[in-house]
Amino acid sequence: MLDVFLNYDLVIKGSEYARYYFILWTLAEDLRNVSQSAEEIREKELARRRKRKRDDWAEFPFVQPISAEKMLELQKNTARAELFLKERHEKEFILALADKFKGKE
């Protein structure tokens, strides 16, 4: 929304984005665990352990380095998600403005 009003661009290094993404992901996971029962937590932990064997790169802190191909894939997915969210937000913003102006007529 800032870019619409202020012509504002924000640039973040991929390494910084990844760092804070995984920190926030870990915090969100902790919050989810607080609201779950003990049985749900045990089941989730077992599933995480099974998955970890396949996806060691997905854990924070990193257990092993991420390959260049995997980092490129993550960056492409991030760019796609960013475009999707930006387009969605712009459409919602335009519709909200249109509704506001329709009400004033």
Protein backbone atom coordinates (compact mmCIF):
# COMPACT_ATOMS: atom_id res chain seq x y z
CA MET A 1 0.00 0.00 0.00
CA LEU A 2 2.90 2.34 0.66
CA ASP A 3 4.06 2.01 -2.92
CA VAL A 4 0.68 3.30 -4.16
CA PHE A 5 0.72 6.45 -2.04
CA LEU A 6 4.41 7.20 -1.67
CA ASN A 7 5.98 5.47 -4.66
CA TYR A 8 7.92 3.53 -2.04
CA ASP A 9 10.09 0.49 -2.77
CA LEU A 10 11.67 -1.74 -0.16
CA VAL A 11 14.63 -3.92 -1.00
CA ILE A 12 15.71 -6.72 1.31
CA LYS A 13 18.65 -9.05 0.82
CA GLY A 14 17.62 -12.65 0.25
CA SER A 15 19.76 -13.77 3.18
CA GLU A 16 18.06 -11.31 5.56
CA TYR A 17 14.62 -12.32 4.29
CA ALA A 18 15.40 -16.01 4.78
CA ARG A 19 16.80 -15.39 8.25
CA TYR A 20 13.72 -13.55 9.52
CA TYR A 21 11.34 -15.83 7.65
CA PHE A 22 12.64 -18.85 9.50
CA ILE A 23 12.74 -17.02 12.83
CA LEU A 24 9.10 -15.97 12.42
CA TRP A 25 8.15 -19.43 11.21
CA THR A 26 9.69 -20.93 14.36
CA LEU A 27 7.87 -18.44 16.59
CA ALA A 28 4.56 -19.15 14.85
CA GLU A 29 5.14 -22.87 15.29
CA ASP A 30 5.75 -22.34 19.00
CA LEU A 31 2.49 -20.37 19.29
CA ARG A 32 0.60 -23.14 17.52
CA ASN A 33 2.09 -25.70 19.88
CA VAL A 34 0.86 -23.76 22.90
CA SER A 35 -2.72 -24.01 21.65
CA GLN A 36 -2.55 -27.75 20.85
CA SER A 37 -3.17 -30.74 23.06
CA ALA A 38 -0.32 -33.01 24.16
CA GLU A 39 -1.45 -35.73 21.75
CA GLU A 40 -1.50 -33.33 18.79
CA ILE A 41 1.99 -32.13 19.71
CA ARG A 42 3.33 -35.70 19.86
CA GLU A 43 1.81 -36.56 16.48
CA LYS A 44 3.21 -33.40 14.94
CA GLU A 45 6.68 -34.07 16.37
CA LEU A 46 6.69 -37.59 14.93
CA ALA A 47 5.65 -36.26 11.53
CA ARG A 48 8.34 -33.56 11.73
CA ARG A 49 11.00 -36.15 12.52
CA ARG A 50 9.96 -38.26 9.54
CA LYS A 51 9.97 -35.21 7.29
CA ARG A 52 13.29 -33.99 8.64
CA LYS A 53 15.01 -37.03 7.24
CA ARG A 54 13.88 -35.90 3.79
CA ASP A 55 14.13 -32.10 4.19
CA ASP A 56 17.02 -31.24 6.48
CA TRP A 57 17.44 -27.91 4.68
CA ALA A 58 14.00 -26.74 5.88
CA GLU A 59 14.89 -26.58 9.58
CA PHE A 60 16.15 -23.50 11.38
CA PRO A 61 18.90 -23.15 12.31
CA PHE A 62 20.17 -24.82 9.19
CA VAL A 63 21.40 -28.37 9.68
CA GLN A 64 23.19 -28.38 6.36
CA PRO A 65 23.84 -25.85 3.60
CA ILE A 66 21.15 -25.17 1.00
CA SER A 67 22.13 -26.03 -2.55
CA ALA A 68 22.20 -23.26 -5.14
CA GLU A 69 19.33 -24.94 -6.99
CA LYS A 70 17.17 -25.05 -3.84
CA MET A 71 17.94 -21.39 -3.05
CA LEU A 72 17.04 -20.41 -6.62
CA GLU A 73 13.76 -22.33 -6.29
CA LEU A 74 13.00 -20.56 -2.99
CA GLN A 75 13.73 -17.18 -4.54
CA LYS A 76 11.48 -17.92 -7.53
CA ASN A 77 8.67 -19.06 -5.23
CA THR A 78 9.10 -15.93 -3.14
CA ALA A 79 8.93 -13.71 -6.21
CA ARG A 80 5.78 -15.49 -7.43
CA ALA A 81 4.14 -15.16 -4.00
CA GLU A 82 5.09 -11.49 -3.83
CA LEU A 83 3.56 -10.78 -7.24
CA PHE A 84 0.41 -12.69 -6.36
CA LEU A 85 -0.02 -10.83 -3.07
CA LYS A 86 0.73 -7.46 -4.65
CA GLU A 87 -1.82 -8.01 -7.43
CA ARG A 88 -4.41 -9.25 -4.94
CA HIS A 89 -3.83 -6.29 -2.65
CA GLU A 90 -4.03 -3.80 -5.52
CA LYS A 91 -7.32 -5.31 -6.70
CA GLU A 92 -8.76 -5.16 -3.18
CA PHE A 93 -7.57 -1.58 -2.83
CA ILE A 94 -9.11 -0.54 -6.14
CA LEU A 95 -12.40 -2.24 -5.27
CA ALA A 96 -12.45 -0.54 -1.86
CA LEU A 97 -11.87 2.85 -3.49
CA ALA A 98 -14.54 2.15 -6.09
CA ASP A 99 -17.03 1.23 -3.36
CA LYS A 100 -16.15 4.41 -1.46
CA PHE A 101 -16.70 6.60 -4.49
CA LYS A 102 -19.92 4.82 -5.42
CA GLY A 103 -21.27 5.62 -1.98
CA LYS A 104 -20.56 9.33 -2.45
CA GLU A 105 -22.46 9.64 -5.76
